[in-house]
Amino acid sequence: MNPPAPLPEHLRRGRLGEDLAYRHLRKLRYTVVARNYRTRDGSGEVDLIAWDGPQLVFVEVKARTREDFGSPESAVDTAKRRHILRAAEDYLRRAGHDRSCARFDIVSVMLREPAEITVQRDAFSLRSGKGTF
């Protein structure tokens, strides 16, 4: 049996960013309940799902080594938000939770020494015009 092929650099950076975001959110007392949640049909995906007190938080993680093409969070465009929102709707329905408990955060990770991690709380919403579909 052959060992798995090494991940491409951009996927390794993404995984590292998610791992750093996961640890950071745990330090902030979020309770992470899922990682890399995907809808069955592949129409939606979210990096982390966690409870922050009474709120169920759907977290998109963006990691960068440089800001040549903008800040990490600027990569969460309308299409990406749609994928996250689909996954959130699916998760909420399957878990039996009401939409009112949902919040959407973006965690930006600058991969430097040391890493710079920023949490943008309530970055967009199911309820408001801030990124709904």
C-alpha atoms as a PDB file:
ATOM      1  CA  MET A   1       0.000   0.000   0.000  1.00  0.00           C
ATOM      2  CA  ASN A   2       1.436   3.361  -1.047  1.00  0.00           C
ATOM      3  CA  PRO A   3       1.473   6.306   1.359  1.00  0.00           C
ATOM      4  CA  PRO A   4      -0.947   9.111   0.484  1.00  0.00           C
ATOM      5  CA  ALA A   5       0.393  11.844  -1.792  1.00  0.00           C
ATOM      6  CA  PRO A   6       1.458  14.993   0.046  1.00  0.00           C
ATOM      7  CA  LEU A   7      -1.091  17.805   0.092  1.00  0.00           C
ATOM      8  CA  PRO A   8      -0.492  20.777  -2.209  1.00  0.00           C
ATOM      9  CA  GLU A   9       0.892  23.839  -0.429  1.00  0.00           C
ATOM     10  CA  HIS A  10      -2.361  25.832  -0.517  1.00  0.00           C
ATOM     11  CA  LEU A  11      -4.258  22.947   1.108  1.00  0.00           C
ATOM     12  CA  ARG A  12      -1.583  22.566   3.796  1.00  0.00           C
ATOM     13  CA  ARG A  13      -1.849  26.304   4.543  1.00  0.00           C
ATOM     14  CA  GLY A  14      -5.631  25.993   4.717  1.00  0.00           C
ATOM     15  CA  ARG A  15      -5.426  23.047   7.112  1.00  0.00           C
ATOM     16  CA  LEU A  16      -2.905  24.892   9.297  1.00  0.00           C
ATOM     17  CA  GLY A  17      -5.165  27.958   9.346  1.00  0.00           C
ATOM     18  CA  GLU A  18      -8.148  25.837  10.374  1.00  0.00           C
ATOM     19  CA  ASP A  19      -6.129  24.144  13.115  1.00  0.00           C
ATOM     20  CA  LEU A  20      -4.954  27.517  14.477  1.00  0.00           C
ATOM     21  CA  ALA A  21      -8.500  28.940  14.288  1.00  0.00           C
ATOM     22  CA  TYR A  22      -9.861  25.858  16.087  1.00  0.00           C
ATOM     23  CA  ARG A  23      -7.385  26.278  18.952  1.00  0.00           C
ATOM     24  CA  HIS A  24      -8.008  30.031  19.121  1.00  0.00           C
ATOM     25  CA  LEU A  25     -11.787  29.590  19.329  1.00  0.00           C
ATOM     26  CA  ARG A  26     -11.360  26.985  22.065  1.00  0.00           C
ATOM     27  CA  LYS A  27      -9.275  29.520  24.036  1.00  0.00           C
ATOM     28  CA  LEU A  28     -12.183  31.956  23.610  1.00  0.00           C
ATOM     29  CA  ARG A  29     -14.416  29.251  25.149  1.00  0.00           C
ATOM     30  CA  TYR A  30     -16.265  28.281  21.980  1.00  0.00           C
ATOM     31  CA  THR A  31     -17.331  24.626  22.015  1.00  0.00           C
ATOM     32  CA  VAL A  32     -16.513  23.217  18.584  1.00  0.00           C
ATOM     33  CA  VAL A  33     -19.024  20.561  17.508  1.00  0.00           C
ATOM     34  CA  ALA A  34     -18.060  19.996  13.857  1.00  0.00           C
ATOM     35  CA  ARG A  35     -15.214  20.563  11.422  1.00  0.00           C
ATOM     36  CA  ASN A  36     -15.502  20.699   7.636  1.00  0.00           C
ATOM     37  CA  TYR A  37     -19.271  20.127   7.603  1.00  0.00           C
ATOM     38  CA  ARG A  38     -20.640  19.475   4.107  1.00  0.00           C
ATOM     39  CA  THR A  39     -24.136  19.013   2.778  1.00  0.00           C
ATOM     40  CA  ARG A  40     -24.827  15.571   1.361  1.00  0.00           C
ATOM     41  CA  ASP A  41     -25.255  16.961  -2.149  1.00  0.00           C
ATOM     42  CA  GLY A  42     -22.073  19.035  -1.968  1.00  0.00           C
ATOM     43  CA  SER A  43     -23.875  22.363  -2.352  1.00  0.00           C
ATOM     44  CA  GLY A  44     -22.567  23.780   0.920  1.00  0.00           C
ATOM     45  CA  GLU A  45     -19.578  23.608   3.247  1.00  0.00           C
ATOM     46  CA  VAL A  46     -18.473  25.333   6.433  1.00  0.00           C
ATOM     47  CA  ASP A  47     -15.088  25.027   8.151  1.00  0.00           C
ATOM     48  CA  LEU A  48     -16.120  24.986  11.815  1.00  0.00           C
ATOM     49  CA  ILE A  49     -19.378  24.876  13.757  1.00  0.00           C
ATOM     50  CA  ALA A  50     -19.255  25.855  17.414  1.00  0.00           C
ATOM     51  CA  TRP A  51     -21.380  27.013  20.302  1.00  0.00           C
ATOM     52  CA  ASP A  52     -20.545  30.433  21.742  1.00  0.00           C
ATOM     53  CA  GLY A  53     -22.878  30.511  24.711  1.00  0.00           C
ATOM     54  CA  PRO A  54     -26.432  30.259  23.308  1.00  0.00           C
ATOM     55  CA  GLN A  55     -25.364  30.947  19.728  1.00  0.00           C
ATOM     56  CA  LEU A  56     -24.497  28.294  17.185  1.00  0.00           C
ATOM     57  CA  VAL A  57     -21.650  29.805  15.186  1.00  0.00           C
ATOM     58  CA  PHE A  58     -20.794  28.836  11.619  1.00  0.00           C
ATOM     59  CA  VAL A  59     -17.170  29.780  11.073  1.00  0.00           C
ATOM     60  CA  GLU A  60     -15.351  30.330   7.797  1.00  0.00           C
ATOM     61  CA  VAL A  61     -11.566  30.296   8.175  1.00  0.00           C
ATOM     62  CA  LYS A  62      -9.316  32.117   5.719  1.00  0.00           C
ATOM     63  CA  ALA A  63      -5.542  31.809   6.005  1.00  0.00           C
ATOM     64  CA  ARG A  64      -2.935  33.797   4.109  1.00  0.00           C
ATOM     65  CA  THR A  65       0.808  34.254   4.206  1.00  0.00           C
ATOM     66  CA  ARG A  66       0.623  37.716   2.560  1.00  0.00           C
ATOM     67  CA  GLU A  67      -1.999  40.366   1.893  1.00  0.00           C
ATOM     68  CA  ASP A  68      -0.991  40.998  -1.742  1.00  0.00           C
ATOM     69  CA  PHE A  69      -4.496  40.104  -2.898  1.00  0.00           C
ATOM     70  CA  GLY A  70      -6.357  41.606   0.058  1.00  0.00           C
ATOM     71  CA  SER A  71      -7.090  40.560   3.595  1.00  0.00           C
ATOM     72  CA  PRO A  72      -8.077  36.956   4.266  1.00  0.00           C
ATOM     73  CA  GLU A  73     -11.691  37.847   5.041  1.00  0.00           C
ATOM     74  CA  SER A  74     -12.065  39.677   1.716  1.00  0.00           C
ATOM     75  CA  ALA A  75     -11.996  36.238   0.048  1.00  0.00           C
ATOM     76  CA  VAL A  76     -15.399  35.416   1.566  1.00  0.00           C
ATOM     77  CA  ASP A  77     -17.413  36.689  -1.379  1.00  0.00           C
ATOM     78  CA  THR A  78     -21.105  36.259  -2.192  1.00  0.00           C
ATOM     79  CA  ALA A  79     -20.652  32.820  -3.751  1.00  0.00           C
ATOM     80  CA  LYS A  80     -18.665  31.570  -0.740  1.00  0.00           C
ATOM     81  CA  ARG A  81     -21.305  32.955   1.629  1.00  0.00           C
ATOM     82  CA  ARG A  82     -23.993  31.076  -0.306  1.00  0.00           C
ATOM     83  CA  HIS A  83     -22.084  27.800   0.219  1.00  0.00           C
ATOM     84  CA  ILE A  84     -21.750  28.531   3.932  1.00  0.00           C
ATOM     85  CA  LEU A  85     -25.409  29.520   4.265  1.00  0.00           C
ATOM     86  CA  ARG A  86     -26.540  26.311   2.515  1.00  0.00           C
ATOM     87  CA  ALA A  87     -24.440  24.235   4.885  1.00  0.00           C
ATOM     88  CA  ALA A  88     -25.776  26.166   7.879  1.00  0.00           C
ATOM     89  CA  GLU A  89     -29.400  25.710   6.805  1.00  0.00           C
ATOM     90  CA  ASP A  90     -28.757  21.987   6.312  1.00  0.00           C
ATOM     91  CA  TYR A  91     -27.035  21.610   9.685  1.00  0.00           C
ATOM     92  CA  LEU A  92     -29.733  23.563  11.525  1.00  0.00           C
ATOM     93  CA  ARG A  93     -32.494  21.464   9.932  1.00  0.00           C
ATOM     94  CA  ARG A  94     -30.761  18.134  10.587  1.00  0.00           C
ATOM     95  CA  ALA A  95     -29.816  19.038  14.172  1.00  0.00           C
ATOM     96  CA  GLY A  96     -33.272  20.455  14.942  1.00  0.00           C
ATOM     97  CA  HIS A  97     -32.047  23.933  15.854  1.00  0.00           C
ATOM     98  CA  ASP A  98     -33.890  27.154  15.108  1.00  0.00           C
ATOM     99  CA  ARG A  99     -32.373  29.684  12.712  1.00  0.00           C
ATOM    100  CA  SER A 100     -32.549  32.354  15.419  1.00  0.00           C
ATOM    101  CA  CYS A 101     -29.595  30.821  17.277  1.00  0.00           C
ATOM    102  CA  ALA A 102     -27.271  31.026  14.232  1.00  0.00           C
ATOM    103  CA  ARG A 103     -24.377  33.426  13.830  1.00  0.00           C
ATOM    104  CA  PHE A 104     -21.712  33.622  11.112  1.00  0.00           C
ATOM    105  CA  ASP A 105     -18.121  34.488  11.965  1.00  0.00           C
ATOM    106  CA  ILE A 106     -15.034  34.766   9.802  1.00  0.00           C
ATOM    107  CA  VAL A 107     -11.658  33.911  11.294  1.00  0.00           C
ATOM    108  CA  SER A 108      -8.705  35.461   9.473  1.00  0.00           C
ATOM    109  CA  VAL A 109      -5.336  33.842  10.012  1.00  0.00           C
ATOM    110  CA  MET A 110      -2.134  35.506   8.869  1.00  0.00           C
ATOM    111  CA  LEU A 111       0.476  32.760   8.830  1.00  0.00           C
ATOM    112  CA  ARG A 112       3.396  34.635  10.345  1.00  0.00           C
ATOM    113  CA  GLU A 113       5.609  34.043  13.368  1.00  0.00           C
ATOM    114  CA  PRO A 114       3.602  34.300  15.511  1.00  0.00           C
ATOM    115  CA  ALA A 115       0.322  33.796  13.643  1.00  0.00           C
ATOM    116  CA  GLU A 116      -2.126  36.710  13.711  1.00  0.00           C
ATOM    117  CA  ILE A 117      -5.700  35.558  14.287  1.00  0.00           C
ATOM    118  CA  THR A 118      -8.729  37.846  14.054  1.00  0.00           C
ATOM    119  CA  VAL A 119     -12.340  36.833  14.695  1.00  0.00           C
ATOM    120  CA  GLN A 120     -14.954  38.876  12.858  1.00  0.00           C
ATOM    121  CA  ARG A 121     -18.138  38.122  14.806  1.00  0.00           C
ATOM    122  CA  ASP A 122     -21.500  38.260  13.050  1.00  0.00           C
ATOM    123  CA  ALA A 123     -19.825  38.857   9.665  1.00  0.00           C
ATOM    124  CA  PHE A 124     -23.047  38.054   7.792  1.00  0.00           C
ATOM    125  CA  SER A 125     -26.469  36.690   8.621  1.00  0.00           C
ATOM    126  CA  LEU A 126     -29.402  34.486   7.639  1.00  0.00           C
ATOM    127  CA  ARG A 127     -31.798  37.180   8.884  1.00  0.00           C
ATOM    128  CA  SER A 128     -30.457  40.446   7.545  1.00  0.00           C
ATOM    129  CA  GLY A 129     -29.446  41.760   4.163  1.00  0.00           C
ATOM    130  CA  LYS A 130     -25.788  41.165   5.076  1.00  0.00           C
ATOM    131  CA  GLY A 131     -25.119  38.276   2.742  1.00  0.00           C
ATOM    132  CA  THR A 132     -28.392  36.413   2.629  1.00  0.00           C
ATOM    133  CA  PHE A 133     -29.565  34.677  -0.511  1.00  0.00           C
END
